[in-house]
Amino acid sequence: MESISRNGMEPFIKALVPKLFAPDSAHRLPEEWERVREIGLLTPPAGAIRTLEAMRERPDRLPVLRELALPILLVAGEEDQIIEPGKTFVIAGPRVEQVLLADCGHMGMLEDSERMAEAITQFLSKI
């Protein structure tokens, strides 16, 4: 937050985008990297700062997931550098489906949209 306040969005986005994708994806997905970079650069600094503050201050919702009596789909990228899969797959049980996307980072919906859609479709077909 301090860095954005001092230096603006460009250095923040330049450092963030590589962490959002699987390490070897830059050559496979240059358009997706550029799209995410452009979106980030268009983000108003004040909005980014407030979003980061909200993420920092958000309450723990794990008890809600544990108590929820509905089916839950958890999807993680095997190579996620932002939230490792172990921190995504925090609950398990008969109503919880866990999908690990190989060769994907935090942006599985862009890195492998077909597998992401398939995971969602299969999950929905079971409920």
C-alpha atoms as a PDB file:
ATOM      1  CA  MET A   1       0.000   0.000   0.000  1.00  0.00           C
ATOM      2  CA  GLU A   2       2.842   2.330   0.841  1.00  0.00           C
ATOM      3  CA  SER A   3       4.594   1.464  -2.398  1.00  0.00           C
ATOM      4  CA  ILE A   4       1.491   2.286  -4.438  1.00  0.00           C
ATOM      5  CA  SER A   5       1.091   5.577  -2.559  1.00  0.00           C
ATOM      6  CA  ARG A   6       4.721   6.529  -3.199  1.00  0.00           C
ATOM      7  CA  ASN A   7       5.347   5.060  -6.652  1.00  0.00           C
ATOM      8  CA  GLY A   8       1.976   4.571  -8.322  1.00  0.00           C
ATOM      9  CA  MET A   9       0.592   1.422  -9.916  1.00  0.00           C
ATOM     10  CA  GLU A  10       3.265   0.625 -12.497  1.00  0.00           C
ATOM     11  CA  PRO A  11       5.973  -0.820 -10.195  1.00  0.00           C
ATOM     12  CA  PHE A  12       3.331  -2.709  -8.208  1.00  0.00           C
ATOM     13  CA  ILE A  13       1.792  -4.265 -11.326  1.00  0.00           C
ATOM     14  CA  LYS A  14       5.205  -5.029 -12.816  1.00  0.00           C
ATOM     15  CA  ALA A  15       6.056  -7.051  -9.679  1.00  0.00           C
ATOM     16  CA  LEU A  16       2.597  -8.618  -9.261  1.00  0.00           C
ATOM     17  CA  VAL A  17       1.806  -9.972 -12.734  1.00  0.00           C
ATOM     18  CA  PRO A  18       4.630 -12.566 -12.833  1.00  0.00           C
ATOM     19  CA  LYS A  19       3.441 -13.912  -9.477  1.00  0.00           C
ATOM     20  CA  LEU A  20      -0.132 -14.316 -10.717  1.00  0.00           C
ATOM     21  CA  PHE A  21       0.805 -16.836 -13.401  1.00  0.00           C
ATOM     22  CA  ALA A  22       2.684 -20.132 -13.398  1.00  0.00           C
ATOM     23  CA  PRO A  23       6.412 -19.419 -13.697  1.00  0.00           C
ATOM     24  CA  ASP A  24       6.773 -20.778 -17.238  1.00  0.00           C
ATOM     25  CA  SER A  25       3.648 -19.191 -18.684  1.00  0.00           C
ATOM     26  CA  ALA A  26       5.056 -15.899 -20.013  1.00  0.00           C
ATOM     27  CA  HIS A  27       6.030 -17.439 -23.343  1.00  0.00           C
ATOM     28  CA  ARG A  28       2.789 -19.488 -23.584  1.00  0.00           C
ATOM     29  CA  LEU A  29       0.378 -16.720 -22.637  1.00  0.00           C
ATOM     30  CA  PRO A  30       1.779 -13.325 -23.662  1.00  0.00           C
ATOM     31  CA  GLU A  31      -1.678 -11.922 -24.492  1.00  0.00           C
ATOM     32  CA  GLU A  32      -3.083 -12.934 -21.101  1.00  0.00           C
ATOM     33  CA  TRP A  33      -0.096 -11.424 -19.294  1.00  0.00           C
ATOM     34  CA  GLU A  34      -0.556  -8.187 -21.237  1.00  0.00           C
ATOM     35  CA  ARG A  35      -4.308  -8.127 -20.578  1.00  0.00           C
ATOM     36  CA  VAL A  36      -3.787  -8.515 -16.827  1.00  0.00           C
ATOM     37  CA  ARG A  37      -1.030  -5.890 -16.887  1.00  0.00           C
ATOM     38  CA  GLU A  38      -3.273  -3.422 -18.720  1.00  0.00           C
ATOM     39  CA  ILE A  39      -6.153  -3.982 -16.310  1.00  0.00           C
ATOM     40  CA  GLY A  40      -3.792  -3.452 -13.377  1.00  0.00           C
ATOM     41  CA  LEU A  41      -2.393  -0.235 -14.819  1.00  0.00           C
ATOM     42  CA  LEU A  42      -5.923   1.107 -15.316  1.00  0.00           C
ATOM     43  CA  THR A  43      -6.734   0.530 -11.648  1.00  0.00           C
ATOM     44  CA  PRO A  44      -6.890   3.808  -9.716  1.00  0.00           C
ATOM     45  CA  PRO A  45      -4.222   3.768  -6.993  1.00  0.00           C
ATOM     46  CA  ALA A  46      -6.767   4.716  -4.315  1.00  0.00           C
ATOM     47  CA  GLY A  47      -8.947   1.762  -5.321  1.00  0.00           C
ATOM     48  CA  ALA A  48      -6.005  -0.649  -5.220  1.00  0.00           C
ATOM     49  CA  ILE A  49      -4.978   0.620  -1.806  1.00  0.00           C
ATOM     50  CA  ARG A  50      -8.504   0.257  -0.414  1.00  0.00           C
ATOM     51  CA  THR A  51      -8.738  -3.252  -1.881  1.00  0.00           C
ATOM     52  CA  LEU A  52      -5.466  -4.277  -0.244  1.00  0.00           C
ATOM     53  CA  GLU A  53      -6.633  -2.780   3.061  1.00  0.00           C
ATOM     54  CA  ALA A  54      -9.907  -4.711   2.823  1.00  0.00           C
ATOM     55  CA  MET A  55      -8.049  -7.953   2.098  1.00  0.00           C
ATOM     56  CA  ARG A  56      -5.783  -7.349   5.084  1.00  0.00           C
ATOM     57  CA  GLU A  57      -8.694  -6.564   7.408  1.00  0.00           C
ATOM     58  CA  ARG A  58     -11.204  -9.164   6.229  1.00  0.00           C
ATOM     59  CA  PRO A  59     -12.437 -11.524   8.915  1.00  0.00           C
ATOM     60  CA  ASP A  60     -11.688 -15.232   8.807  1.00  0.00           C
ATOM     61  CA  ARG A  61     -14.508 -16.971   6.909  1.00  0.00           C
ATOM     62  CA  LEU A  62     -13.194 -20.496   7.403  1.00  0.00           C
ATOM     63  CA  PRO A  63     -15.839 -21.239  10.067  1.00  0.00           C
ATOM     64  CA  VAL A  64     -18.519 -20.331   7.516  1.00  0.00           C
ATOM     65  CA  LEU A  65     -17.104 -22.825   5.021  1.00  0.00           C
ATOM     66  CA  ARG A  66     -16.881 -25.521   7.683  1.00  0.00           C
ATOM     67  CA  GLU A  67     -20.488 -24.995   8.771  1.00  0.00           C
ATOM     68  CA  LEU A  68     -22.024 -24.516   5.327  1.00  0.00           C
ATOM     69  CA  ALA A  69     -24.329 -27.382   4.413  1.00  0.00           C
ATOM     70  CA  LEU A  70     -23.991 -26.792   0.678  1.00  0.00           C
ATOM     71  CA  PRO A  71     -21.605 -28.253  -1.904  1.00  0.00           C
ATOM     72  CA  ILE A  72     -18.349 -26.313  -2.197  1.00  0.00           C
ATOM     73  CA  LEU A  73     -15.892 -26.214  -5.084  1.00  0.00           C
ATOM     74  CA  LEU A  74     -12.311 -25.219  -4.270  1.00  0.00           C
ATOM     75  CA  VAL A  75      -9.986 -24.670  -7.224  1.00  0.00           C
ATOM     76  CA  ALA A  76      -6.264 -24.002  -6.939  1.00  0.00           C
ATOM     77  CA  GLY A  77      -3.408 -23.632  -9.350  1.00  0.00           C
ATOM     78  CA  GLU A  78      -0.644 -26.133  -8.729  1.00  0.00           C
ATOM     79  CA  GLU A  79       1.944 -23.384  -9.276  1.00  0.00           C
ATOM     80  CA  ASP A  80       0.085 -20.544  -7.544  1.00  0.00           C
ATOM     81  CA  GLN A  81       2.650 -18.107  -6.153  1.00  0.00           C
ATOM     82  CA  ILE A  82       0.029 -15.956  -4.402  1.00  0.00           C
ATOM     83  CA  ILE A  83      -1.993 -18.571  -2.476  1.00  0.00           C
ATOM     84  CA  GLU A  84      -0.445 -22.013  -2.338  1.00  0.00           C
ATOM     85  CA  PRO A  85      -2.893 -24.894  -2.878  1.00  0.00           C
ATOM     86  CA  GLY A  86      -2.618 -25.977   0.759  1.00  0.00           C
ATOM     87  CA  LYS A  87      -4.111 -22.646   1.790  1.00  0.00           C
ATOM     88  CA  THR A  88      -6.946 -23.068  -0.710  1.00  0.00           C
ATOM     89  CA  PHE A  89      -7.796 -26.640   0.249  1.00  0.00           C
ATOM     90  CA  VAL A  90      -8.513 -25.755   3.859  1.00  0.00           C
ATOM     91  CA  ILE A  91     -11.595 -27.914   4.222  1.00  0.00           C
ATOM     92  CA  ALA A  92     -12.437 -31.401   3.043  1.00  0.00           C
ATOM     93  CA  GLY A  93     -15.355 -33.751   3.218  1.00  0.00           C
ATOM     94  CA  PRO A  94     -18.118 -35.315   1.167  1.00  0.00           C
ATOM     95  CA  ARG A  95     -19.628 -31.966   0.147  1.00  0.00           C
ATOM     96  CA  VAL A  96     -16.279 -30.409  -0.803  1.00  0.00           C
ATOM     97  CA  GLU A  97     -14.729 -30.869  -4.236  1.00  0.00           C
ATOM     98  CA  GLN A  98     -11.072 -29.907  -4.603  1.00  0.00           C
ATOM     99  CA  VAL A  99      -9.611 -29.337  -8.066  1.00  0.00           C
ATOM    100  CA  LEU A 100      -5.918 -28.750  -8.611  1.00  0.00           C
ATOM    101  CA  LEU A 101      -5.064 -27.232 -11.992  1.00  0.00           C
ATOM    102  CA  ALA A 102      -1.658 -28.445 -13.170  1.00  0.00           C
ATOM    103  CA  ASP A 103       0.616 -25.899 -14.870  1.00  0.00           C
ATOM    104  CA  CYS A 104      -1.500 -23.023 -13.542  1.00  0.00           C
ATOM    105  CA  GLY A 105      -0.864 -20.241 -11.092  1.00  0.00           C
ATOM    106  CA  HIS A 106      -3.394 -17.889  -9.505  1.00  0.00           C
ATOM    107  CA  MET A 107      -5.018 -17.121 -12.863  1.00  0.00           C
ATOM    108  CA  GLY A 108      -6.307 -20.571 -13.806  1.00  0.00           C
ATOM    109  CA  MET A 109      -9.303 -18.979 -15.504  1.00  0.00           C
ATOM    110  CA  LEU A 110      -6.880 -17.420 -18.003  1.00  0.00           C
ATOM    111  CA  GLU A 111      -4.096 -19.988 -17.952  1.00  0.00           C
ATOM    112  CA  ASP A 112      -6.383 -22.915 -18.732  1.00  0.00           C
ATOM    113  CA  SER A 113      -9.937 -21.697 -19.183  1.00  0.00           C
ATOM    114  CA  GLU A 114     -11.074 -25.033 -20.635  1.00  0.00           C
ATOM    115  CA  ARG A 115     -10.012 -27.045 -17.587  1.00  0.00           C
ATOM    116  CA  MET A 116     -11.453 -24.397 -15.291  1.00  0.00           C
ATOM    117  CA  ALA A 117     -14.780 -24.481 -17.120  1.00  0.00           C
ATOM    118  CA  GLU A 118     -14.739 -28.286 -17.090  1.00  0.00           C
ATOM    119  CA  ALA A 119     -14.153 -28.331 -13.320  1.00  0.00           C
ATOM    120  CA  ILE A 120     -17.050 -25.944 -12.765  1.00  0.00           C
ATOM    121  CA  THR A 121     -19.333 -27.823 -15.177  1.00  0.00           C
ATOM    122  CA  GLN A 122     -18.571 -31.189 -13.563  1.00  0.00           C
ATOM    123  CA  PHE A 123     -19.157 -29.742 -10.108  1.00  0.00           C
ATOM    124  CA  LEU A 124     -22.473 -28.216 -11.148  1.00  0.00           C
ATOM    125  CA  SER A 125     -23.613 -31.446 -12.790  1.00  0.00           C
ATOM    126  CA  LYS A 126     -23.337 -33.203  -9.423  1.00  0.00           C
ATOM    127  CA  ILE A 127     -25.488 -30.784  -7.457  1.00  0.00           C
END
